[in-house]
Amino acid sequence: MNQVGVSSTSGTSELIRTNLAIMTKKQELDPDTLALIEWCTEVEGFLVAAGASLREAQGYIEEQAEWFTDQFYEGLTPQEAAKASLNEP
């Protein structure tokens, strides 16, 4: 993992957290939804570290939202879910 990837992912995660805080004030998202979004943000970081661009990682998570949601509720860590998704045929 290079320093550029870490910085950009950290910056993106911080931006997402800020946006979530704003959304929470406006829409009152439930705690499970907030936890899932945070978890997906962490998965995104692992996908980027594995070589995906940020846009590719975000798009992939959006396309596979149901699968990732299942993994979240099954108790996989973000790293385990990212690794499993990369091993999917």
N, C-alpha and C. Protein backbone atom coordinates (compact mmCIF):
# COMPACT_ATOMS: atom_id res chain seq x y z
N MET A 1 0.85 -1.16 0.00
CA MET A 1 0.00 0.00 0.00
C MET A 1 0.91 1.23 0.00
N ASN A 2 0.68 2.14 -0.94
CA ASN A 2 1.54 3.32 -0.99
C ASN A 2 0.92 4.47 -0.21
N GLN A 3 1.75 5.45 0.08
CA GLN A 3 1.30 6.59 0.87
C GLN A 3 0.23 7.41 0.15
N VAL A 4 0.31 7.48 -1.16
CA VAL A 4 -0.69 8.24 -1.91
C VAL A 4 -2.06 7.60 -1.74
N GLY A 5 -2.12 6.26 -1.90
CA GLY A 5 -3.39 5.55 -1.74
C GLY A 5 -3.97 5.72 -0.35
N VAL A 6 -3.13 5.67 0.64
CA VAL A 6 -3.59 5.83 2.00
C VAL A 6 -4.14 7.22 2.23
N SER A 7 -3.42 8.23 1.77
CA SER A 7 -3.86 9.61 1.97
C SER A 7 -5.18 9.86 1.26
N SER A 8 -5.27 9.42 0.01
CA SER A 8 -6.47 9.69 -0.75
C SER A 8 -7.66 8.96 -0.16
N THR A 9 -7.46 7.73 0.30
CA THR A 9 -8.55 6.98 0.90
C THR A 9 -8.95 7.62 2.22
N SER A 10 -7.97 8.03 3.01
CA SER A 10 -8.27 8.68 4.28
C SER A 10 -9.04 9.97 4.06
N GLY A 11 -8.62 10.75 3.08
CA GLY A 11 -9.32 11.99 2.77
C GLY A 11 -10.73 11.73 2.31
N THR A 12 -10.90 10.71 1.49
CA THR A 12 -12.23 10.36 1.01
C THR A 12 -13.10 9.89 2.16
N SER A 13 -12.55 9.07 3.04
CA SER A 13 -13.31 8.59 4.18
C SER A 13 -13.74 9.75 5.06
N GLU A 14 -12.86 10.70 5.26
CA GLU A 14 -13.18 11.86 6.07
C GLU A 14 -14.31 12.67 5.43
N LEU A 15 -14.25 12.83 4.11
CA LEU A 15 -15.29 13.55 3.39
C LEU A 15 -16.63 12.81 3.52
N ILE A 16 -16.59 11.50 3.41
CA ILE A 16 -17.82 10.71 3.54
C ILE A 16 -18.39 10.85 4.94
N ARG A 17 -17.52 10.80 5.96
CA ARG A 17 -17.99 10.97 7.33
C ARG A 17 -18.64 12.34 7.53
N THR A 18 -18.04 13.36 6.95
CA THR A 18 -18.61 14.70 7.06
C THR A 18 -19.98 14.75 6.38
N ASN A 19 -20.07 14.18 5.18
CA ASN A 19 -21.35 14.15 4.48
C ASN A 19 -22.39 13.34 5.25
N LEU A 20 -21.96 12.25 5.89
CA LEU A 20 -22.88 11.45 6.69
C LEU A 20 -23.41 12.25 7.87
N ALA A 21 -22.56 13.03 8.48
CA ALA A 21 -22.99 13.85 9.61
C ALA A 21 -24.06 14.84 9.16
N ILE A 22 -23.86 15.42 8.00
CA ILE A 22 -24.85 16.36 7.46
C ILE A 22 -26.15 15.64 7.14
N MET A 23 -26.03 14.46 6.47
CA MET A 23 -27.22 13.68 6.13
C MET A 23 -27.98 13.24 7.38
N THR A 24 -27.24 12.86 8.41
CA THR A 24 -27.85 12.41 9.64
C THR A 24 -28.70 13.51 10.24
N LYS A 25 -28.19 14.72 10.23
CA LYS A 25 -28.94 15.84 10.77
C LYS A 25 -30.21 16.10 9.96
N LYS A 26 -30.12 15.91 8.64
CA LYS A 26 -31.27 16.18 7.79
C LYS A 26 -32.28 15.04 7.79
N GLN A 27 -31.79 13.79 7.77
CA GLN A 27 -32.69 12.65 7.57
C GLN A 27 -32.80 11.71 8.76
N GLU A 28 -31.95 11.88 9.76
CA GLU A 28 -31.94 10.99 10.90
C GLU A 28 -31.82 9.52 10.46
N LEU A 29 -30.68 9.19 9.88
CA LEU A 29 -30.41 7.82 9.48
C LEU A 29 -30.30 6.95 10.73
N ASP A 30 -30.80 5.72 10.63
CA ASP A 30 -30.74 4.84 11.79
C ASP A 30 -29.30 4.34 11.99
N PRO A 31 -28.99 3.90 13.19
CA PRO A 31 -27.62 3.48 13.51
C PRO A 31 -27.11 2.33 12.63
N ASP A 32 -27.98 1.39 12.27
CA ASP A 32 -27.55 0.28 11.40
C ASP A 32 -27.13 0.78 10.03
N THR A 33 -27.89 1.71 9.49
CA THR A 33 -27.55 2.27 8.17
C THR A 33 -26.23 3.01 8.24
N LEU A 34 -26.04 3.79 9.28
CA LEU A 34 -24.78 4.51 9.44
C LEU A 34 -23.61 3.54 9.57
N ALA A 35 -23.79 2.48 10.34
CA ALA A 35 -22.73 1.49 10.51
C ALA A 35 -22.41 0.80 9.19
N LEU A 36 -23.43 0.49 8.41
CA LEU A 36 -23.22 -0.15 7.11
C LEU A 36 -22.46 0.78 6.16
N ILE A 37 -22.81 2.04 6.14
CA ILE A 37 -22.13 2.99 5.27
C ILE A 37 -20.67 3.13 5.67
N GLU A 38 -20.42 3.23 6.95
CA GLU A 38 -19.04 3.32 7.44
C GLU A 38 -18.26 2.07 7.08
N TRP A 39 -18.87 0.91 7.24
CA TRP A 39 -18.26 -0.37 6.91
C TRP A 39 -17.91 -0.41 5.42
N CYS A 40 -18.84 0.01 4.57
CA CYS A 40 -18.58 0.03 3.13
C CYS A 40 -17.45 0.98 2.78
N THR A 41 -17.34 2.07 3.50
CA THR A 41 -16.24 3.01 3.29
C THR A 41 -14.91 2.33 3.58
N GLU A 42 -14.89 1.50 4.61
CA GLU A 42 -13.66 0.76 4.93
C GLU A 42 -13.36 -0.30 3.86
N VAL A 43 -14.40 -0.99 3.38
CA VAL A 43 -14.22 -1.96 2.29
C VAL A 43 -13.61 -1.25 1.09
N GLU A 44 -14.14 -0.09 0.78
CA GLU A 44 -13.65 0.71 -0.34
C GLU A 44 -12.14 0.93 -0.23
N GLY A 45 -11.67 1.24 0.95
CA GLY A 45 -10.24 1.46 1.17
C GLY A 45 -9.42 0.21 0.85
N PHE A 46 -9.93 -0.95 1.23
CA PHE A 46 -9.21 -2.20 0.93
C PHE A 46 -9.22 -2.50 -0.56
N LEU A 47 -10.31 -2.19 -1.25
CA LEU A 47 -10.36 -2.40 -2.70
C LEU A 47 -9.38 -1.48 -3.41
N VAL A 48 -9.28 -0.24 -2.95
CA VAL A 48 -8.33 0.71 -3.53
C VAL A 48 -6.90 0.22 -3.27
N ALA A 49 -6.65 -0.26 -2.06
CA ALA A 49 -5.32 -0.77 -1.73
C ALA A 49 -4.95 -1.97 -2.60
N ALA A 50 -5.96 -2.71 -3.05
CA ALA A 50 -5.73 -3.88 -3.91
C ALA A 50 -5.55 -3.50 -5.38
N GLY A 51 -5.71 -2.21 -5.69
CA GLY A 51 -5.43 -1.76 -7.05
C GLY A 51 -6.58 -1.11 -7.80
N ALA A 52 -7.77 -1.12 -7.23
CA ALA A 52 -8.90 -0.47 -7.89
C ALA A 52 -8.77 1.05 -7.72
N SER A 53 -9.30 1.78 -8.69
CA SER A 53 -9.37 3.23 -8.49
C SER A 53 -10.52 3.49 -7.52
N LEU A 54 -10.54 4.66 -6.93
CA LEU A 54 -11.61 5.01 -6.01
C LEU A 54 -12.97 4.91 -6.70
N ARG A 55 -13.05 5.41 -7.90
CA ARG A 55 -14.31 5.36 -8.67
C ARG A 55 -14.73 3.91 -8.93
N GLU A 56 -13.76 3.05 -9.29
CA GLU A 56 -14.08 1.64 -9.54
C GLU A 56 -14.58 0.97 -8.26
N ALA A 57 -13.91 1.24 -7.15
CA ALA A 57 -14.31 0.64 -5.88
C ALA A 57 -15.71 1.08 -5.49
N GLN A 58 -16.00 2.37 -5.61
CA GLN A 58 -17.32 2.87 -5.27
C GLN A 58 -18.39 2.27 -6.17
N GLY A 59 -18.12 2.23 -7.47
CA GLY A 59 -19.07 1.66 -8.42
C GLY A 59 -19.33 0.19 -8.15
N TYR A 60 -18.28 -0.54 -7.83
CA TYR A 60 -18.41 -1.97 -7.56
C TYR A 60 -19.26 -2.20 -6.31
N ILE A 61 -19.00 -1.42 -5.27
CA ILE A 61 -19.79 -1.56 -4.04
C ILE A 61 -21.25 -1.22 -4.31
N GLU A 62 -21.50 -0.19 -5.10
CA GLU A 62 -22.89 0.17 -5.44
C GLU A 62 -23.56 -0.94 -6.24
N GLU A 63 -22.84 -1.50 -7.22
CA GLU A 63 -23.40 -2.58 -8.05
C GLU A 63 -23.70 -3.84 -7.23
N GLN A 64 -22.86 -4.09 -6.26
CA GLN A 64 -22.98 -5.30 -5.45
C GLN A 64 -23.51 -4.99 -4.03
N ALA A 65 -24.32 -3.96 -3.93
CA ALA A 65 -24.79 -3.48 -2.62
C ALA A 65 -25.47 -4.59 -1.80
N GLU A 66 -26.28 -5.40 -2.44
CA GLU A 66 -26.99 -6.46 -1.71
C GLU A 66 -25.99 -7.47 -1.14
N TRP A 67 -25.01 -7.87 -1.95
CA TRP A 67 -24.01 -8.82 -1.51
C TRP A 67 -23.20 -8.25 -0.34
N PHE A 68 -22.77 -7.00 -0.46
CA PHE A 68 -21.99 -6.38 0.62
C PHE A 68 -22.83 -6.22 1.88
N THR A 69 -24.10 -5.89 1.72
CA THR A 69 -24.98 -5.77 2.89
C THR A 69 -25.09 -7.11 3.61
N ASP A 70 -25.24 -8.19 2.84
CA ASP A 70 -25.28 -9.52 3.45
C ASP A 70 -24.00 -9.81 4.23
N GLN A 71 -22.86 -9.45 3.65
CA GLN A 71 -21.58 -9.70 4.32
C GLN A 71 -21.47 -8.90 5.62
N PHE A 72 -21.96 -7.69 5.60
CA PHE A 72 -21.97 -6.84 6.79
C PHE A 72 -22.77 -7.50 7.91
N TYR A 73 -23.99 -7.95 7.58
CA TYR A 73 -24.85 -8.54 8.60
C TYR A 73 -24.39 -9.94 9.01
N GLU A 74 -23.59 -10.60 8.17
CA GLU A 74 -23.02 -11.90 8.54
C GLU A 74 -21.79 -11.73 9.43
N GLY A 75 -21.34 -10.50 9.62
CA GLY A 75 -20.27 -10.22 10.55
C GLY A 75 -18.86 -10.21 9.97
N LEU A 76 -18.74 -10.19 8.64
CA LEU A 76 -17.41 -10.10 8.06
C LEU A 76 -16.80 -8.74 8.34
N THR A 77 -15.50 -8.72 8.51
CA THR A 77 -14.81 -7.44 8.64
C THR A 77 -14.75 -6.82 7.25
N PRO A 78 -14.51 -5.52 7.16
CA PRO A 78 -14.36 -4.90 5.84
C PRO A 78 -13.25 -5.56 5.02
N GLN A 79 -12.14 -5.92 5.68
CA GLN A 79 -11.04 -6.56 4.97
C GLN A 79 -11.45 -7.93 4.44
N GLU A 80 -12.17 -8.70 5.25
CA GLU A 80 -12.63 -10.02 4.81
C GLU A 80 -13.59 -9.90 3.63
N ALA A 81 -14.48 -8.92 3.69
CA ALA A 81 -15.46 -8.74 2.60
C ALA A 81 -14.75 -8.32 1.32
N ALA A 82 -13.79 -7.41 1.43
CA ALA A 82 -13.05 -6.98 0.23
C ALA A 82 -12.30 -8.16 -0.38
N LYS A 83 -11.65 -8.95 0.46
CA LYS A 83 -10.91 -10.11 -0.03
C LYS A 83 -11.84 -11.11 -0.69
N ALA A 84 -12.98 -11.38 -0.06
CA ALA A 84 -13.95 -12.31 -0.62
C ALA A 84 -14.49 -11.81 -1.96
N SER A 85 -14.73 -10.50 -2.06
CA SER A 85 -15.27 -9.96 -3.31
C SER A 85 -14.27 -10.06 -4.44
N LEU A 86 -12.98 -9.96 -4.11
CA LEU A 86 -11.94 -10.08 -5.13
C LEU A 86 -11.76 -11.51 -5.59
N ASN A 87 -12.21 -12.46 -4.79
CA ASN A 87 -12.10 -13.87 -5.15
C ASN A 87 -13.34 -14.42 -5.82
N GLU A 88 -14.37 -13.59 -5.94
CA GLU A 88 -15.61 -14.00 -6.61
C GLU A 88 -15.35 -14.18 -8.10
N PRO A 89 -15.96 -15.22 -8.71
CA PRO A 89 -15.75 -15.41 -10.17
C PRO A 89 -16.39 -14.34 -11.00
